[in-house]
Amino acid sequence: SALGTQCSQTTHSDGTTPLYITQNGSSMATPVVSGAAALTRQLLREGYGISAPRADLIKAVLLNGADDLGQPNTNLTLLFDYERQLFPGHSFVYTFDVSGGSGLDATLAWNDREASSNSNQSASTLVNDLDLIITSPDGTTYLGNNFVSGFSEQGGSPDRLNNVERIRLPSAQSGIWTIEIGHAGGFLQDFS
């Protein structure tokens, strides 16, 4: 069960029961993430003018904005695109001029279509397979979800299993970086 500790001197009318407590532990994981998702949705609506943010955008913001317990207090600039759709075999390329001296963290998320009821139910099945690819100014290529000790490593193989892909670099060299979102197969797919 979740343990609670008093975080305020305010009590109920009995004078001893705390009005507010903090709780932790695995029992609190769902309520904490649900609250964070609700606050993220509110931020996207009120702060960015998106009237109905999709679940993939909320998921990408939550994942990309989470504090790394190994490197807390990371200050991130939020850039996102959630209004595009990709056809199979096509891609979008974004370019950014990075001043260097800080890390680079990118997240791609999409709500994949349901697989066929005849597919192998014991195996993960992506219907639409998107890929996150980042190229540095010197031509080094990073593929989504290719991590070693929490950071992306160059090269590797495209992730054919997950509908979230991340690239995390501890430092980014100055210059023009490209972020490519590719569609390896399936149907028309939106993404964030």
Protein backbone atom coordinates (compact mmCIF):
# COMPACT_ATOMS: atom_id res chain seq x y z
CA SER A 1 0.00 0.00 0.00
CA ALA A 2 1.03 3.59 -0.52
CA LEU A 3 2.60 5.29 2.46
CA GLY A 4 1.52 8.83 3.27
CA THR A 5 3.21 11.66 5.14
CA GLN A 6 1.75 14.96 6.20
CA CYS A 7 2.78 17.85 3.92
CA SER A 8 0.68 20.58 5.59
CA GLN A 9 -0.26 21.61 9.12
CA THR A 10 -3.93 21.87 8.08
CA THR A 11 -6.15 19.20 9.61
CA HIS A 12 -9.74 17.99 9.38
CA SER A 13 -12.27 19.12 12.01
CA ASP A 14 -11.09 16.43 14.43
CA GLY A 15 -7.84 18.38 14.78
CA THR A 16 -5.53 15.39 14.20
CA THR A 17 -6.23 13.96 10.73
CA PRO A 18 -4.08 15.75 8.12
CA LEU A 19 -6.07 17.47 5.39
CA TYR A 20 -3.26 16.98 2.85
CA ILE A 21 -0.72 14.17 2.63
CA THR A 22 1.85 13.04 0.10
CA GLN A 23 1.92 9.44 -1.00
CA ASN A 24 4.49 7.38 -2.86
CA GLY A 25 5.22 3.88 -3.98
CA SER A 26 4.04 1.85 -6.94
CA SER A 27 0.40 2.27 -5.87
CA MET A 28 0.69 5.97 -6.69
CA ALA A 29 2.18 5.54 -10.19
CA THR A 30 -1.15 5.65 -12.04
CA PRO A 31 -2.62 8.63 -10.15
CA VAL A 32 0.61 10.63 -10.52
CA VAL A 33 0.92 9.98 -14.27
CA SER A 34 -2.82 10.65 -14.76
CA GLY A 35 -2.46 13.98 -12.99
CA ALA A 36 0.63 14.85 -15.02
CA ALA A 37 -1.21 13.96 -18.25
CA ALA A 38 -4.16 16.17 -17.25
CA LEU A 39 -1.82 19.08 -16.50
CA THR A 40 0.04 18.53 -19.78
CA ARG A 41 -3.24 18.54 -21.69
CA GLN A 42 -4.24 21.77 -19.94
CA LEU A 43 -0.87 23.35 -20.81
CA LEU A 44 -1.24 22.36 -24.48
CA ARG A 45 -4.78 23.77 -24.58
CA GLU A 46 -4.21 27.00 -22.65
CA GLY A 47 -0.53 27.66 -23.30
CA TYR A 48 -0.24 26.50 -26.92
CA GLY A 49 -3.81 26.95 -28.19
CA ILE A 50 -4.39 23.31 -29.16
CA SER A 51 -8.10 22.76 -28.60
CA ALA A 52 -8.00 18.95 -28.55
CA PRO A 53 -4.47 17.55 -28.03
CA ARG A 54 -4.18 13.91 -29.10
CA ALA A 55 -2.91 11.18 -26.78
CA ASP A 56 0.32 10.74 -28.81
CA LEU A 57 1.28 14.41 -28.27
CA ILE A 58 0.55 14.22 -24.54
CA LYS A 59 2.61 11.00 -24.31
CA ALA A 60 5.54 12.52 -26.22
CA VAL A 61 5.56 15.66 -24.03
CA LEU A 62 5.41 13.58 -20.85
CA LEU A 63 8.23 11.27 -21.94
CA ASN A 64 10.46 13.98 -23.34
CA GLY A 65 9.91 16.31 -20.39
CA ALA A 66 10.41 13.80 -17.59
CA ASP A 67 13.32 14.47 -15.26
CA ASP A 68 16.13 11.97 -15.62
CA LEU A 69 16.92 10.92 -12.06
CA GLY A 70 20.58 10.63 -13.11
CA GLN A 71 20.62 14.22 -14.42
CA PRO A 72 17.81 16.15 -12.70
CA ASN A 73 16.73 19.71 -13.48
CA THR A 74 17.30 19.49 -17.21
CA ASN A 75 15.93 22.60 -18.94
CA LEU A 76 14.28 21.64 -22.24
CA THR A 77 12.92 23.79 -25.04
CA LEU A 78 9.61 22.37 -26.26
CA LEU A 79 9.20 22.08 -30.02
CA PHE A 80 6.51 19.86 -31.49
CA ASP A 81 4.60 19.08 -34.66
CA TYR A 82 1.38 17.14 -34.37
CA GLU A 83 -0.55 18.28 -37.44
CA ARG A 84 1.10 16.10 -40.11
CA GLN A 85 0.37 12.65 -41.47
CA LEU A 86 2.78 10.31 -43.22
CA PHE A 87 2.12 7.92 -46.08
CA PRO A 88 4.12 4.66 -46.13
CA GLY A 89 7.50 5.14 -47.76
CA HIS A 90 7.49 8.91 -47.11
CA SER A 91 9.23 11.07 -44.51
CA PHE A 92 9.37 14.58 -43.08
CA VAL A 93 12.69 16.27 -42.41
CA TYR A 94 13.11 19.06 -39.87
CA THR A 95 16.30 21.09 -39.54
CA PHE A 96 17.48 22.92 -36.42
CA ASP A 97 20.42 25.23 -35.89
CA VAL A 98 21.83 24.14 -32.53
CA SER A 99 24.26 26.38 -30.67
CA GLY A 100 25.87 23.46 -28.84
CA GLY A 101 26.85 23.12 -25.22
CA SER A 102 23.67 21.31 -24.19
CA GLY A 103 22.04 17.95 -24.70
CA LEU A 104 19.52 16.96 -27.34
CA ASP A 105 16.41 14.92 -26.53
CA ALA A 106 13.78 13.97 -29.13
CA THR A 107 10.67 11.82 -28.84
CA LEU A 108 8.41 10.42 -31.58
CA ALA A 109 5.05 8.95 -30.55
CA TRP A 110 2.03 7.75 -32.51
CA ASN A 111 -1.24 5.96 -31.83
CA ASP A 112 -0.84 2.82 -33.90
CA ARG A 113 -3.82 1.17 -35.58
CA GLU A 114 -5.15 -2.09 -34.26
CA ALA A 115 -3.57 -5.21 -35.69
CA SER A 116 -5.61 -7.90 -37.39
CA SER A 117 -7.46 -10.27 -35.09
CA ASN A 118 -5.81 -13.06 -37.13
CA SER A 119 -2.27 -11.89 -36.32
CA ASN A 120 -0.05 -13.68 -33.82
CA GLN A 121 -1.54 -12.53 -30.51
CA SER A 122 1.57 -13.48 -28.52
CA ALA A 123 3.88 -11.21 -30.54
CA SER A 124 4.05 -7.43 -30.66
CA THR A 125 2.75 -6.15 -33.97
CA LEU A 126 3.17 -2.65 -35.33
CA VAL A 127 0.73 -1.83 -38.11
CA ASN A 128 2.39 1.49 -38.90
CA ASP A 129 6.13 1.53 -38.35
CA LEU A 130 7.54 5.04 -38.00
CA ASP A 131 11.22 5.77 -37.47
CA LEU A 132 13.06 8.59 -35.68
CA ILE A 133 16.43 9.42 -37.24
CA ILE A 134 18.68 12.30 -36.22
CA THR A 135 21.79 13.38 -38.12
CA SER A 136 24.42 15.62 -36.54
CA PRO A 137 26.29 18.40 -38.39
CA ASP A 138 29.26 16.04 -38.96
CA GLY A 139 26.99 13.36 -40.50
CA THR A 140 26.72 11.01 -37.51
CA THR A 141 23.34 9.23 -37.60
CA TYR A 142 21.32 8.17 -34.55
CA LEU A 143 18.30 5.85 -34.71
CA GLY A 144 15.44 5.84 -32.21
CA ASN A 145 15.69 3.57 -29.15
CA ASN A 146 19.34 2.61 -29.69
CA PHE A 147 20.64 3.26 -26.16
CA VAL A 148 23.77 2.46 -24.19
CA SER A 149 23.78 3.54 -20.52
CA GLY A 150 20.81 5.85 -21.07
CA PHE A 151 22.15 7.74 -24.10
CA SER A 152 21.77 7.16 -27.82
CA GLU A 153 24.59 5.47 -29.68
CA GLN A 154 25.26 6.04 -33.35
CA GLY A 155 24.22 3.43 -35.89
CA GLY A 156 22.21 0.41 -34.85
CA SER A 157 19.00 -0.93 -36.35
CA PRO A 158 15.59 0.71 -36.71
CA ASP A 159 13.12 -0.13 -33.93
CA ARG A 160 10.39 -2.36 -35.41
CA LEU A 161 8.62 -3.04 -32.11
CA ASN A 162 7.55 0.19 -30.33
CA ASN A 163 5.20 3.10 -31.10
CA VAL A 164 7.45 5.49 -29.17
CA GLU A 165 11.02 6.21 -30.23
CA ARG A 166 13.52 8.40 -28.43
CA ILE A 167 16.97 9.78 -29.07
CA ARG A 168 18.89 11.28 -26.17
CA LEU A 169 22.32 12.85 -26.53
CA PRO A 170 24.33 14.21 -23.57
CA SER A 171 25.78 17.03 -25.67
CA ALA A 172 25.10 18.39 -29.14
CA GLN A 173 27.72 19.94 -31.37
CA SER A 174 27.02 23.35 -32.89
CA GLY A 175 25.55 23.45 -36.38
CA ILE A 176 22.62 22.23 -38.43
CA TRP A 177 20.95 19.06 -37.13
CA THR A 178 18.28 17.15 -39.06
CA ILE A 179 15.45 15.16 -37.56
CA GLU A 180 13.73 12.76 -39.94
CA ILE A 181 10.44 11.01 -39.27
CA GLY A 182 10.16 8.09 -41.69
CA HIS A 183 7.30 5.69 -42.39
CA ALA A 184 8.59 2.14 -43.03
CA GLY A 185 5.20 0.62 -43.80
CA GLY A 186 1.51 0.36 -43.06
CA PHE A 187 -1.16 3.01 -43.64
CA LEU A 188 -1.50 6.79 -43.41
CA GLN A 189 -0.38 7.73 -39.88
CA ASP A 190 -0.37 10.91 -37.78
CA PHE A 191 2.35 11.44 -35.17
CA SER A 192 3.76 13.80 -32.56
